Structures are given as structure tokens and as C-alpha cells.
Protein backbone atom coordinates (compact mmCIF):
# COMPACT_ATOMS: atom_id res chain seq x y z
CA UNK A 1 -0.02 -0.05 0.07
CA UNK A 2 1.57 3.31 -0.79
CA UNK A 3 2.03 5.95 1.96
CA UNK A 4 -0.35 8.87 1.83
CA UNK A 5 1.14 12.23 0.76
CA UNK A 6 1.16 15.10 3.19
CA UNK A 7 1.54 18.69 1.90
CA UNK A 8 1.94 21.65 3.89
CA UNK A 9 2.06 25.50 2.67
CA UNK A 10 3.01 28.50 4.91
CA UNK A 11 2.49 31.64 3.21
CA UNK A 12 4.68 34.22 5.28
CA UNK A 13 5.81 37.55 4.92
CA UNK A 14 9.46 36.68 4.12
CA UNK A 15 9.05 33.39 2.12
CA UNK A 16 6.83 30.75 1.19
CA UNK A 17 7.54 27.26 2.14
CA UNK A 18 6.15 24.09 0.60
CA UNK A 19 6.82 20.56 2.51
CA UNK A 20 5.88 17.16 1.22
CA UNK A 21 5.55 14.38 3.41
CA UNK A 22 4.75 10.69 3.42
CA UNK A 23 3.53 8.76 6.42
CA UNK A 24 6.23 6.35 7.62
CA UNK A 25 4.63 4.58 10.38
CA UNK A 26 4.03 7.29 13.25
CA UNK A 27 6.46 9.23 11.84
CA UNK A 28 6.52 11.47 8.81
CA UNK A 29 9.33 11.39 5.91
CA UNK A 30 10.13 14.51 4.16
CA UNK A 31 10.35 13.84 0.46
CA UNK A 32 10.48 17.41 -0.92
CA UNK A 33 10.66 20.90 0.24
CA UNK A 34 10.49 24.23 -2.12
CA UNK A 35 10.92 27.57 -0.94
CA UNK A 36 10.65 31.10 -2.53
CA UNK A 37 10.78 34.42 -1.64
CA UNK A 38 7.29 35.95 -0.60
CA UNK A 39 5.66 38.99 -2.72
CA UNK A 40 2.33 40.34 -2.38
CA UNK A 41 2.25 39.52 1.26
CA UNK A 42 2.48 41.93 4.11
CA UNK A 43 2.40 41.00 7.89
CA UNK A 44 1.29 37.53 6.57
CA UNK A 45 -1.74 38.97 4.93
CA UNK A 46 -1.98 38.81 1.35
CA UNK A 47 -1.94 42.24 -0.22
CA UNK A 48 -1.37 41.39 -3.97
CA UNK A 49 -2.88 37.99 -4.77
CA UNK A 50 -1.27 37.87 -8.44
CA UNK A 51 2.11 38.09 -6.73
CA UNK A 52 1.21 35.87 -3.93
CA UNK A 53 0.00 33.35 -6.35
CA UNK A 54 3.53 33.61 -8.36
CA UNK A 55 5.42 32.82 -4.90
CA UNK A 56 3.32 29.99 -4.21
CA UNK A 57 3.85 28.63 -7.56
CA UNK A 58 7.66 28.78 -7.29
CA UNK A 59 7.62 27.01 -3.87
CA UNK A 60 5.41 24.31 -5.51
CA UNK A 61 7.54 23.76 -8.58
CA UNK A 62 10.70 23.25 -6.12
CA UNK A 63 8.77 20.81 -3.91
CA UNK A 64 7.35 18.90 -6.99
CA UNK A 65 10.73 18.56 -8.33
CA UNK A 66 12.13 17.18 -5.11
CA UNK A 67 9.21 15.05 -4.33
CA UNK A 68 9.07 13.68 -7.85
CA UNK A 69 5.31 13.90 -7.97
CA UNK A 70 2.42 16.42 -8.61
CA UNK A 71 0.97 18.05 -5.93
CA UNK A 72 -2.76 18.82 -6.02
CA UNK A 73 -4.05 19.47 -2.34
CA UNK A 74 -2.52 20.87 0.63
CA UNK A 75 -3.02 22.14 4.18
CA UNK A 76 -2.68 25.87 4.29
CA UNK A 77 -1.40 28.20 7.13
CA UNK A 78 -3.33 31.10 8.05
CA UNK A 79 -1.61 34.09 9.55
CA UNK A 80 -2.00 37.82 10.49
CA UNK A 81 -3.04 40.25 12.92
CA UNK A 82 -6.79 39.56 12.35
CA UNK A 83 -6.61 36.40 14.09
CA UNK A 84 -7.89 36.58 17.56
CA UNK A 85 -9.10 34.13 20.31
CA UNK A 86 -11.56 34.62 23.18
CA UNK A 87 -13.31 32.16 25.55
CA UNK A 88 -16.73 31.04 25.09
CA UNK A 89 -19.13 29.08 27.01
CA UNK A 90 -22.39 27.06 25.92
CA UNK A 91 -24.94 24.95 27.70
CA UNK A 92 -27.43 22.25 26.14
CA UNK A 93 -29.68 19.77 27.63
CA UNK A 94 -28.75 16.03 27.46
CA UNK A 95 -31.16 14.12 25.38
CA UNK A 96 -29.17 11.02 24.76
CA UNK A 97 -31.13 7.83 25.50
CA UNK A 98 -30.60 6.42 28.69
CA UNK A 99 -29.50 9.93 30.46
CA UNK A 100 -25.91 9.75 29.67
CA UNK A 101 -23.98 12.33 27.31
CA UNK A 102 -23.76 10.87 23.47
CA UNK A 103 -22.04 12.01 20.71
CA UNK A 104 -25.09 14.12 19.40
CA UNK A 105 -25.06 16.02 22.66
CA UNK A 106 -21.43 16.58 22.27
CA UNK A 107 -21.98 18.12 18.79
CA UNK A 108 -24.96 20.05 19.79
CA UNK A 109 -22.91 22.02 22.57
CA UNK A 110 -19.71 22.31 20.58
CA UNK A 111 -22.14 23.85 17.64
CA UNK A 112 -23.64 26.18 20.17
CA UNK A 113 -20.29 27.27 21.16
CA UNK A 114 -19.07 27.87 17.70
CA UNK A 115 -22.24 29.75 17.13
CA UNK A 116 -22.01 32.20 19.76
CA UNK A 117 -18.36 33.24 18.49
CA UNK A 118 -19.40 34.20 15.09
CA UNK A 119 -19.41 38.09 14.20
CA UNK A 120 -19.90 40.14 10.95
CA UNK A 121 -16.73 39.82 8.88
CA UNK A 122 -15.17 37.22 11.17
CA UNK A 123 -15.64 33.60 11.42
CA UNK A 124 -14.66 30.83 13.69
CA UNK A 125 -11.55 28.60 12.29
CA UNK A 126 -10.90 26.91 15.51
CA UNK A 127 -13.21 25.80 18.35
CA UNK A 128 -10.89 24.17 21.09
CA UNK A 129 -12.83 22.83 24.23
CA UNK A 130 -10.97 23.34 27.28
CA UNK A 131 -13.36 21.38 29.65
CA UNK A 132 -16.61 20.01 29.90
CA UNK A 133 -19.25 19.64 32.83
CA UNK A 134 -22.25 17.56 33.42
CA UNK A 135 -24.40 18.77 36.20
CA UNK A 136 -22.02 19.25 39.04
CA UNK A 137 -19.14 17.08 37.56
CA UNK A 138 -16.72 19.59 36.31
CA UNK A 139 -13.51 19.73 34.54
CA UNK A 140 -14.11 16.79 32.30
CA UNK A 141 -11.75 16.09 29.22
CA UNK A 142 -14.64 13.81 27.65
CA UNK A 143 -18.17 13.95 28.84
CA UNK A 144 -19.29 11.02 26.73
CA UNK A 145 -21.11 8.27 28.76
CA UNK A 146 -21.37 10.59 31.98
CA UNK A 147 -25.13 10.58 33.29
CA UNK A 148 -26.89 13.84 33.78
CA UNK A 149 -29.31 16.48 32.61
CA UNK A 150 -27.07 19.31 31.60
CA UNK A 151 -23.96 19.58 29.25
CA UNK A 152 -21.60 22.68 29.34
CA UNK A 153 -18.36 23.43 27.46
CA UNK A 154 -15.83 26.07 28.13
CA UNK A 155 -14.14 26.76 24.77
CA UNK A 156 -11.36 28.87 23.33
CA UNK A 157 -12.66 30.07 19.98
CA UNK A 158 -10.12 31.21 17.18
CA UNK A 159 -11.51 33.57 14.62
CA UNK A 160 -10.20 35.12 11.51
CA UNK A 161 -11.27 37.81 9.08
CA UNK A 162 -13.52 36.03 6.64
CA UNK A 163 -12.25 38.26 3.69
CA UNK A 164 -8.42 37.29 4.48
CA UNK A 165 -9.41 33.71 4.91
CA UNK A 166 -11.14 33.72 1.56
CA UNK A 167 -8.17 35.60 -0.10
CA UNK A 168 -5.94 32.63 1.11
CA UNK A 169 -8.11 30.12 -0.30
CA UNK A 170 -8.69 31.96 -3.76
CA UNK A 171 -4.82 32.04 -4.15
CA UNK A 172 -4.39 28.28 -3.48
CA UNK A 173 -7.44 27.58 -5.88
CA UNK A 174 -5.73 29.88 -8.17
CA UNK A 175 -2.64 27.79 -8.66
CA UNK A 176 -4.59 24.69 -9.08
CA UNK A 177 -4.72 23.43 -5.37
CA UNK A 178 -7.48 21.82 -3.50
CA UNK A 179 -7.53 22.87 0.25
CA UNK A 180 -7.48 19.96 2.57
CA UNK A 181 -7.35 22.19 5.78
CA UNK A 182 -6.61 25.82 7.12
CA UNK A 183 -4.76 26.06 10.21
CA UNK A 184 -4.17 29.28 12.35
CA UNK A 185 -0.47 30.27 12.38
CA UNK A 186 0.03 30.16 16.00
CA UNK A 187 -1.22 26.62 16.35
CA UNK A 188 0.53 25.13 13.48
CA UNK A 189 3.85 26.35 15.01
CA UNK A 190 2.94 24.94 18.19
CA UNK A 191 2.11 21.63 16.39
CA UNK A 192 5.63 21.72 14.74
CA UNK A 193 7.66 22.15 17.79
CA UNK A 194 6.21 21.79 21.03
CA UNK A 195 7.15 18.76 23.16
CA UNK A 196 4.65 16.59 25.20
CA UNK A 197 6.37 17.32 28.09
CA UNK A 198 5.93 21.21 27.68
CA UNK A 199 2.00 20.75 26.88
CA UNK A 200 1.42 19.75 30.54
CA UNK A 201 3.13 22.94 31.96
CA UNK A 202 2.50 26.54 31.67
CA UNK A 203 3.96 27.40 28.30
CA UNK A 204 3.93 29.93 25.30
CA UNK A 205 4.83 29.07 21.83
CA UNK A 206 6.42 32.35 20.32
CA UNK A 207 6.89 32.05 16.50
CA UNK A 208 8.84 35.45 15.14
CA UNK A 209 8.56 35.55 11.82
CA UNK A 210 9.21 38.24 9.26
CA UNK A 211 6.13 40.40 9.63
CA UNK A 212 4.47 39.06 12.70
CA UNK A 213 4.78 37.33 15.89
CA UNK A 214 2.65 34.55 16.79
CA UNK A 215 1.78 33.37 20.33
CA UNK A 216 0.27 30.49 21.45
CA UNK A 217 -0.21 29.97 25.35
CA UNK A 218 -0.90 26.65 26.88
CA UNK A 219 -1.47 25.65 30.56
CA UNK A 220 -2.18 21.96 32.09
CA UNK A 221 -2.75 20.37 28.57
CA UNK A 222 -4.95 22.99 27.14
CA UNK A 223 -4.85 26.10 24.78
CA UNK A 224 -5.41 29.33 26.57
CA UNK A 225 -4.93 32.13 24.15
CA UNK A 226 -3.89 32.90 20.67
CA UNK A 227 -2.46 36.37 19.98
CA UNK A 228 -0.61 38.08 16.99
CA UNK A 229 1.66 40.85 17.37
CA UNK A 230 2.39 43.15 14.28
CA UNK A 231 6.35 43.06 15.01
CA UNK A 232 8.90 40.68 13.36
CA UNK A 233 12.36 40.35 11.72
CA UNK A 234 11.38 42.66 9.07
CA UNK A 235 11.07 45.40 11.50
CA UNK A 236 14.81 44.80 12.41
CA UNK A 237 15.73 44.86 8.59
CA UNK A 238 13.95 48.22 8.08
CA UNK A 239 16.09 49.69 11.01
CA UNK A 240 19.45 48.23 9.54
CA UNK A 241 18.40 49.68 5.78
CA UNK A 242 17.81 53.23 7.46
CA UNK A 243 20.62 53.15 9.92
CA UNK A 244 23.21 51.93 7.44
CA UNK A 245 21.93 53.64 4.29
CA UNK A 246 21.42 50.49 2.15
CA UNK A 247 18.78 48.46 0.21
CA UNK A 248 16.45 46.07 2.08
CA UNK A 249 18.20 43.10 0.56
CA UNK A 250 21.61 44.28 1.82
CA UNK A 251 20.00 44.84 5.28
CA UNK A 252 18.67 41.34 5.56
CA UNK A 253 21.90 39.60 4.37
CA UNK A 254 23.94 41.77 6.87
CA UNK A 255 21.49 40.93 9.86
CA UNK A 256 21.48 37.22 9.03
CA UNK A 257 25.35 37.49 8.54
CA UNK A 258 26.38 39.76 11.29
CA UNK A 259 23.60 40.91 13.40
CA UNK A 260 23.42 40.80 17.17
CA UNK A 261 21.03 42.22 19.62
CA UNK A 262 23.85 42.84 22.34
CA UNK A 263 26.58 45.36 21.62
CA UNK A 264 28.64 44.33 24.67
CA UNK A 265 28.82 40.78 22.92
CA UNK A 266 30.65 42.23 19.88
CA UNK A 267 34.29 42.63 19.50
CA UNK A 268 35.07 46.50 19.15
CA UNK A 269 37.74 45.56 16.21
CA UNK A 270 35.18 43.45 14.23
CA UNK A 271 34.17 45.29 11.01
CA UNK A 272 31.35 44.76 8.34
CA UNK A 273 31.15 45.37 4.53
CA UNK A 274 28.10 47.49 3.73
CA UNK A 275 27.08 47.68 0.12
CA UNK A 276 25.20 51.29 -0.46
CA UNK A 277 21.87 51.92 -2.08
CA UNK A 278 21.38 50.63 -5.80
CA UNK A 279 24.82 48.70 -5.15
CA UNK A 280 26.73 52.12 -5.26
CA UNK A 281 29.66 52.39 -2.97
CA UNK A 282 31.00 50.26 0.02
CA UNK A 283 31.75 51.21 3.64
CA UNK A 284 33.52 49.35 6.20
CA UNK A 285 31.66 49.74 9.37
CA UNK A 286 31.94 48.33 13.00
CA UNK A 287 29.73 45.40 13.54
CA UNK A 288 28.98 46.94 17.06
CA UNK A 289 26.97 49.53 15.24
CA UNK A 290 24.68 47.01 13.70
CA UNK A 291 24.22 45.60 17.41
CA UNK A 292 23.46 49.21 18.34
CA UNK A 293 20.98 49.57 15.67
CA UNK A 294 19.26 46.26 16.44
CA UNK A 295 19.33 46.13 20.19
CA UNK A 296 16.50 48.92 20.68
CA UNK A 297 14.13 47.13 18.26
CA UNK A 298 14.90 43.67 19.81
CA UNK A 299 14.39 44.73 23.30
CA UNK A 300 11.05 46.53 22.17
CA UNK A 301 9.78 43.30 20.59
CA UNK A 302 10.78 41.17 23.75
CA UNK A 303 8.68 43.72 25.77
CA UNK A 304 5.78 43.40 23.67
CA UNK A 305 5.81 39.66 24.13
CA UNK A 306 6.15 40.15 28.03
CA UNK A 307 3.21 42.40 27.69
CA UNK A 308 1.48 39.82 25.98
CA UNK A 309 2.17 37.11 28.44
CA UNK A 310 1.81 39.38 31.42
CA UNK A 311 -1.55 37.65 32.55
CA UNK A 312 -0.98 34.40 31.41
CA UNK A 313 1.14 33.04 34.30
CA UNK A 314 3.58 31.42 31.80
CA UNK A 315 6.70 29.49 33.20
CA UNK A 316 8.75 28.88 29.79
CA UNK A 317 8.98 30.14 26.31
CA UNK A 318 9.52 28.05 23.43
CA UNK A 319 10.88 30.48 20.69
CA UNK A 320 10.74 29.45 17.01
CA UNK A 321 10.68 31.45 13.70
CA UNK A 322 13.28 32.77 11.68
CA UNK A 323 14.09 35.57 14.20
CA UNK A 324 14.92 33.07 16.81
CA UNK A 325 18.23 32.63 14.98
CA UNK A 326 19.34 36.37 15.29
CA UNK A 327 22.29 36.26 17.74
CA UNK A 328 21.41 37.45 21.20
CA UNK A 329 17.60 37.51 20.65
CA UNK A 330 16.85 34.59 22.84
CA UNK A 331 18.69 35.89 25.74
CA UNK A 332 17.12 39.33 25.47
CA UNK A 333 13.93 37.39 25.71
CA UNK A 334 15.26 35.57 28.64
CA UNK A 335 16.40 38.59 30.44
CA UNK A 336 13.25 40.66 30.06
CA UNK A 337 10.69 37.83 30.77
CA UNK A 338 12.79 36.47 33.37
CA UNK A 339 11.76 32.65 32.56
CA UNK A 340 13.61 29.77 30.58
CA UNK A 341 13.56 30.23 26.75
CA UNK A 342 14.27 27.23 24.30
CA UNK A 343 14.90 27.97 20.93
CA UNK A 344 12.90 25.21 19.20
CA UNK A 345 13.14 23.58 15.58
CA UNK A 346 10.85 20.66 14.19
CA UNK A 347 12.06 17.19 15.51
CA UNK A 348 11.09 13.65 14.84
CA UNK A 349 11.04 13.63 11.21
CA UNK A 350 12.90 11.34 8.77
CA UNK A 351 14.09 11.60 5.09
CA UNK A 352 14.92 14.96 3.82
CA UNK A 353 14.31 16.18 7.72
CA UNK A 354 17.35 18.87 7.64
CA UNK A 355 15.64 20.76 5.26
CA UNK A 356 12.85 21.48 7.94
CA UNK A 357 15.61 21.86 10.62
CA UNK A 358 15.21 25.60 11.20
CA UNK A 359 13.04 27.64 13.41
CA UNK A 360 11.25 29.29 10.49
CA UNK A 361 10.07 25.98 9.41
CA UNK A 362 8.07 25.38 12.83
CA UNK A 363 4.60 26.04 10.99
CA UNK A 364 4.94 24.20 7.89
CA UNK A 365 6.27 21.06 9.86
CA UNK A 366 3.21 21.52 12.19
CA UNK A 367 1.26 21.61 8.93
CA UNK A 368 2.43 18.13 7.96
CA UNK A 369 1.75 16.69 11.40
CA UNK A 370 -1.60 18.16 11.45
CA UNK A 371 -2.35 16.64 7.95
CA UNK A 372 -1.11 13.19 9.19
CA UNK A 373 -3.51 13.06 12.08
CA UNK A 374 -6.73 14.43 10.45
CA UNK A 375 -9.02 11.54 10.44
CA UNK A 376 -11.22 13.28 7.99
CA UNK A 377 -10.47 15.86 5.26
CA UNK A 378 -12.36 19.06 5.39
CA UNK A 379 -15.05 20.12 2.72
CA UNK A 380 -12.53 21.07 -0.15
CA UNK A 381 -14.14 24.55 -0.77
CA UNK A 382 -15.65 25.24 3.03
CA UNK A 383 -13.15 26.79 5.43
CA UNK A 384 -15.72 26.76 8.08
CA UNK A 385 -15.15 23.01 9.02
CA UNK A 386 -12.12 21.68 10.28
CA UNK A 387 -11.97 18.20 11.74
CA UNK A 388 -8.46 17.08 13.52
CA UNK A 389 -7.57 14.63 15.89
CA UNK A 390 -4.22 13.39 17.22
CA UNK A 391 -1.48 14.09 19.89
CA UNK A 392 -3.12 17.63 20.70
CA UNK A 393 -6.40 16.31 20.89
CA UNK A 394 -5.93 17.01 24.63
CA UNK A 395 -6.05 20.66 23.80
CA UNK A 396 -7.72 20.59 20.23
CA UNK A 397 -10.89 19.02 19.62
CA UNK A 398 -12.52 20.10 16.32
CA UNK A 399 -16.15 19.92 15.78
CA UNK A 400 -16.87 16.52 13.87
């Protein structure tokens, strides 16, 4: 029997990544990865559909060449500041025969919770039950079979802009893809790098990408909050471009090769060559200058993350995303938040796993795992119905 193909596409602000995997027992064997510069996307939101489709096509072509077969469907990552989460509760009467909660009762209470979270211009993309109660029996993970007359759910709803969601789906359809599922960026990144042992504590997965910082907070095995901050590595690149009087491309290259968040960790004698705007002129500047430009922005980003987590009682940060590789950035977060910080990369893959071995691949790796654990493929053109089960079913139970 041939292995089922798994495909994830992460359309980010800096790059678009397409990963292809195959089921290898309980693991995933990576058979192809394609990556292209992202155009038509700003802060994880599509601003130019034609340009975005062109970027997706380039990543798809590269992934197909590596995998040796065509790609016709994929799980997509949905990012952007429009993503929000908020708690919601719902209550229904138990009507199952015998007075014990049945599958129909469970569906009805989840539907009621989902309906209560919809608003004009937005829709629920994830319904995440945190706990159920049946009459006086509280804190239940699975209420089925429990006798009672009243079933309640305490849930977290992740909502998204309908317009942005439809734009993402239209881009996928425009390049000839069917959409198997759509996953909010913070949850995809958590699926990609969070360890089982970390799920049971109080932990925040912080994915600092090019245009946004995506945060998913977990406590005692369940999701507590999803938040997206409008800052990322591109802000650092912009600061360097302005401060060094160079093009964005040069500033990005310098950031990756020589950037540091702590001037005190850079030797005074170290020098860096900077190519001027439009490739005109070259200057030798102290590397410490770069760190002096980067430090205020890095500390500002760390403070914003800290403010977002201020009321969450988090005990650990799992840091991922491209900016996690910026020298001194994990230390800045540790210093300001005063808690342990683990820089995370996707783990547990086989095959071409090295091609998914960077923090910036957290989300696309999570999409592959999401696809593997889905027991039912969503309605191809309907983004409102998501069905998924698996390891993270302790905190994620989609309406079925």
C-alpha cells in the first residue's frame, strides 16, 4: 500500500515554504521541500493576490521536483493580525437515550459554542474545548457516557477575518490546489515544535516571523490564548536599512550574517562591509554599530511579548521562527521575561528532515503533522469545517 502524501504550505511575509511528506509508520518522512521569496504578502496578509500566487507556484514547483510527483492539495497556514481568540461557553440539555451524554449531545454543545463566537466579517476557524461539565461534575476532558441532564463546555475560539481567509483560499485555488485544511499560524507552529512534556506545564510558543509574532499559550494540556503581534524580523531589517543607508536586500543579508542584539557581545575591532543603495559604494563599519541599531528594536519586541504574556502565568517560552536565529535575541527575551527560553526547531522527522531543521520551518512542519493526524479531510471549498484529532487532541477537539 502506498503512503499517503502530506503537503503543507506556509505563506509568510518573508518566504513561502511548501513541504511534502509521506506517512512512515507514526513518523513523517520528508520527501520534498520548496521555498521561494514571498511577494504580495505583508505581515502575513495577502495584499497582491497575483504576486502571492506567483510565489506559491515557485515553491510548489521546487517541492514537486524534489518529491518527484505533482501536488494537487495541501493544508494551508493562515496568519495575520486579524487572528484573535476569546473564551466562550455553551450549555445544552442532554437528550441522549439513557440520560448519559452521547455524541449528538457533544456535537450540539460544540455547535452552540461555535455559533456564539461568530460576528460580521469574522468566522470561527478553530473551536478548542478546554473542559466540559455535566451537572455538578466539572473539569471533564471527555463527557461522553457521563450521566446527567445538563452539558456545558468551556471553549477557546480562534477567529479570523473572512476576507483574509477567502483571499488565502482563492490563491490556493488559483494555482490549481484543493484545500484540505486551514490552520491558524500560532497553532501550526505549536504543532511543529511543542514537546509533550511542555504541553502539561504553562508554556508559550512564540513564533517570531518576518512580519508578525504569533503566540499560543498552553496551560495544563490545554490552549489558553492565541495572539498575534504586528512586529517581526522585517522591523529589524528596516532599521538596519535606514541606519546603514543600504537596500532592504543588503540589510537582510547583513542581519543574518552579522546581526547581534547585544553590543557588549561584539568585539570592538570587528568590521562589516556594507554595500550602498543600488549597489553604489562600499563602506566598512564596526559590527558593533549593527548591534547598537538592532538592540532597541529587539528589546522592544521582547517587551511586547512580555506584555502579551503578562496575565498568562507562563513559566517557559518556546521560541521559534526566523528571528529566533538572530544572535542574542533569545537572551533578550530571557532577560526581560525572566523565564527559561528554548529555541525550538522541528524534530522527529525522517528523510529530508534537514531541510525542515530551522526555527522558521516550525509552522510548515506543524502543517504536515496536522495533515497526518486528520482523520477526515475537510470540505474542499468550505473553510468553516475543520476536523482533526491526534496528539494535541488533549487541547484541540474540532467539531465533527
